[in-house]
């Protein structure tokens, strides 16, 4: 807060951890939301099973 210069943030995520799964889930949800907001056809390719897994958090 109050920083005037650009800040670079590095996230260090260990493999095969819950954090890795969370980051992957956030990326997938972000891509889906972006495609819906942009009106792209990518959202039409998401199956019902994929949508259910997103809601359950199984991704």
N, C-alpha and C. Protein backbone atom coordinates (compact mmCIF):
# COMPACT_ATOMS: atom_id res chain seq x y z
N UNK A 1 0.84 -1.16 0.00
CA UNK A 1 0.00 0.00 0.00
C UNK A 1 0.89 1.23 0.00
N UNK A 2 0.57 2.14 -0.87
CA UNK A 2 1.35 3.35 -0.98
C UNK A 2 2.57 3.21 -1.87
N UNK A 3 2.80 2.02 -2.41
CA UNK A 3 3.95 1.78 -3.28
C UNK A 3 3.72 2.47 -4.61
N UNK A 4 4.69 3.25 -5.08
CA UNK A 4 4.58 3.98 -6.33
C UNK A 4 5.25 3.26 -7.49
N UNK A 5 6.16 2.37 -7.21
CA UNK A 5 6.90 1.66 -8.26
C UNK A 5 6.26 0.30 -8.52
N UNK A 6 6.50 -0.26 -9.72
CA UNK A 6 5.97 -1.60 -10.02
C UNK A 6 6.55 -2.64 -9.05
N UNK A 7 5.72 -3.58 -8.68
CA UNK A 7 6.11 -4.63 -7.75
C UNK A 7 5.97 -5.98 -8.45
N UNK A 8 6.99 -6.82 -8.33
CA UNK A 8 6.95 -8.16 -8.89
C UNK A 8 6.74 -9.15 -7.76
N UNK A 9 5.75 -10.03 -7.94
CA UNK A 9 5.44 -11.02 -6.92
C UNK A 9 5.73 -12.40 -7.49
N UNK A 10 6.48 -13.19 -6.75
CA UNK A 10 6.78 -14.56 -7.14
C UNK A 10 6.05 -15.50 -6.19
N UNK A 11 5.37 -16.46 -6.76
CA UNK A 11 4.70 -17.46 -5.93
C UNK A 11 5.46 -18.77 -6.06
N UNK A 12 5.85 -19.30 -4.95
CA UNK A 12 6.57 -20.57 -4.94
C UNK A 12 5.59 -21.64 -4.46
N UNK A 13 5.25 -22.54 -5.38
CA UNK A 13 4.28 -23.59 -5.10
C UNK A 13 4.99 -24.94 -5.24
N UNK A 14 4.92 -25.75 -4.22
CA UNK A 14 5.52 -27.08 -4.26
C UNK A 14 4.64 -28.03 -5.07
N UNK A 15 5.27 -28.95 -5.78
CA UNK A 15 4.53 -29.93 -6.57
C UNK A 15 3.78 -30.89 -5.67
N UNK A 16 2.67 -31.38 -6.20
CA UNK A 16 1.84 -32.39 -5.54
C UNK A 16 1.37 -31.94 -4.16
N UNK A 17 0.97 -30.66 -4.05
CA UNK A 17 0.42 -30.15 -2.79
C UNK A 17 -0.96 -29.58 -3.07
N UNK A 18 -1.68 -29.30 -2.01
CA UNK A 18 -3.00 -28.72 -2.15
C UNK A 18 -2.90 -27.33 -2.78
N UNK A 19 -1.81 -26.62 -2.48
CA UNK A 19 -1.63 -25.29 -3.06
C UNK A 19 -1.54 -25.36 -4.58
N UNK A 20 -0.87 -26.38 -5.11
CA UNK A 20 -0.76 -26.55 -6.55
C UNK A 20 -2.14 -26.78 -7.16
N UNK A 21 -2.97 -27.57 -6.50
CA UNK A 21 -4.32 -27.81 -6.99
C UNK A 21 -5.17 -26.55 -6.95
N UNK A 22 -5.00 -25.76 -5.91
CA UNK A 22 -5.76 -24.52 -5.78
C UNK A 22 -5.38 -23.54 -6.88
N UNK A 23 -4.09 -23.41 -7.15
CA UNK A 23 -3.63 -22.50 -8.21
C UNK A 23 -4.17 -22.95 -9.56
N UNK A 24 -4.16 -24.25 -9.82
CA UNK A 24 -4.68 -24.78 -11.08
C UNK A 24 -6.19 -24.52 -11.19
N UNK A 25 -6.91 -24.71 -10.10
CA UNK A 25 -8.34 -24.46 -10.09
C UNK A 25 -8.65 -22.99 -10.34
N UNK A 26 -7.90 -22.10 -9.70
CA UNK A 26 -8.11 -20.67 -9.91
C UNK A 26 -7.84 -20.29 -11.36
N UNK A 27 -6.80 -20.86 -11.95
CA UNK A 27 -6.50 -20.58 -13.35
C UNK A 27 -7.60 -21.04 -14.27
N UNK A 28 -8.14 -22.22 -14.00
CA UNK A 28 -9.22 -22.76 -14.83
C UNK A 28 -10.48 -21.90 -14.70
N UNK A 29 -10.80 -21.52 -13.47
CA UNK A 29 -11.97 -20.67 -13.25
C UNK A 29 -11.79 -19.29 -13.88
N UNK A 30 -10.57 -18.75 -13.80
CA UNK A 30 -10.30 -17.44 -14.40
C UNK A 30 -10.47 -17.50 -15.92
N UNK A 31 -9.96 -18.56 -16.53
CA UNK A 31 -10.11 -18.72 -17.98
C UNK A 31 -11.58 -18.85 -18.38
N UNK A 32 -12.33 -19.60 -17.61
CA UNK A 32 -13.75 -19.77 -17.89
C UNK A 32 -14.50 -18.44 -17.76
N UNK A 33 -14.22 -17.71 -16.69
CA UNK A 33 -14.88 -16.42 -16.48
C UNK A 33 -14.50 -15.44 -17.58
N UNK A 34 -13.23 -15.41 -17.95
CA UNK A 34 -12.79 -14.52 -19.03
C UNK A 34 -13.49 -14.84 -20.34
N UNK A 35 -13.63 -16.12 -20.63
CA UNK A 35 -14.28 -16.51 -21.89
C UNK A 35 -15.76 -16.14 -21.87
N UNK A 36 -16.39 -16.25 -20.71
CA UNK A 36 -17.80 -15.87 -20.61
C UNK A 36 -17.97 -14.36 -20.76
N UNK A 37 -17.09 -13.60 -20.14
CA UNK A 37 -17.19 -12.14 -20.20
C UNK A 37 -16.81 -11.59 -21.56
N UNK A 38 -15.88 -12.25 -22.24
CA UNK A 38 -15.46 -11.80 -23.56
C UNK A 38 -16.42 -12.25 -24.65
N UNK A 39 -17.32 -13.15 -24.32
CA UNK A 39 -18.25 -13.67 -25.30
C UNK A 39 -17.60 -14.68 -26.24
N UNK A 40 -16.48 -15.23 -25.83
CA UNK A 40 -15.78 -16.21 -26.66
C UNK A 40 -16.55 -17.52 -26.66
N UNK A 41 -16.24 -18.34 -27.63
CA UNK A 41 -16.93 -19.62 -27.78
C UNK A 41 -16.34 -20.70 -26.88
N UNK A 42 -15.28 -20.40 -26.13
CA UNK A 42 -14.63 -21.40 -25.29
C UNK A 42 -15.59 -21.91 -24.23
N UNK A 43 -16.41 -21.03 -23.68
CA UNK A 43 -17.33 -21.44 -22.62
C UNK A 43 -18.33 -22.48 -23.11
N UNK A 44 -18.66 -22.46 -24.38
CA UNK A 44 -19.59 -23.43 -24.93
C UNK A 44 -19.02 -24.82 -25.01
N UNK A 45 -17.72 -24.94 -24.86
CA UNK A 45 -17.06 -26.24 -24.96
C UNK A 45 -16.89 -26.91 -23.60
N UNK A 46 -17.36 -26.27 -22.55
CA UNK A 46 -17.26 -26.85 -21.22
C UNK A 46 -18.42 -27.80 -21.02
N UNK A 47 -18.09 -29.02 -20.63
CA UNK A 47 -19.12 -30.03 -20.44
C UNK A 47 -19.80 -29.85 -19.08
N UNK A 48 -20.92 -30.50 -18.92
CA UNK A 48 -21.64 -30.45 -17.65
C UNK A 48 -20.79 -31.04 -16.53
N UNK A 49 -20.04 -32.10 -16.83
CA UNK A 49 -19.18 -32.71 -15.82
C UNK A 49 -18.09 -31.75 -15.37
N UNK A 50 -17.53 -30.99 -16.31
CA UNK A 50 -16.50 -30.02 -15.96
C UNK A 50 -17.07 -28.91 -15.08
N UNK A 51 -18.27 -28.45 -15.41
CA UNK A 51 -18.91 -27.43 -14.58
C UNK A 51 -19.18 -27.95 -13.17
N UNK A 52 -19.63 -29.19 -13.06
CA UNK A 52 -19.89 -29.77 -11.75
C UNK A 52 -18.60 -29.91 -10.95
N UNK A 53 -17.52 -30.32 -11.61
CA UNK A 53 -16.24 -30.46 -10.91
C UNK A 53 -15.73 -29.11 -10.44
N UNK A 54 -15.99 -28.04 -11.20
CA UNK A 54 -15.60 -26.70 -10.77
C UNK A 54 -16.37 -26.29 -9.52
N UNK A 55 -17.65 -26.60 -9.49
CA UNK A 55 -18.47 -26.23 -8.33
C UNK A 55 -18.08 -27.05 -7.10
N UNK A 56 -17.72 -28.30 -7.31
CA UNK A 56 -17.33 -29.16 -6.20
C UNK A 56 -15.90 -28.90 -5.74
N UNK A 57 -15.07 -28.36 -6.67
CA UNK A 57 -13.66 -28.13 -6.34
C UNK A 57 -12.81 -29.36 -6.56
N UNK A 58 -13.24 -30.26 -7.45
CA UNK A 58 -12.50 -31.49 -7.72
C UNK A 58 -11.38 -31.32 -8.73
N UNK A 59 -11.26 -30.18 -9.36
CA UNK A 59 -10.30 -29.99 -10.45
C UNK A 59 -8.90 -30.11 -10.04
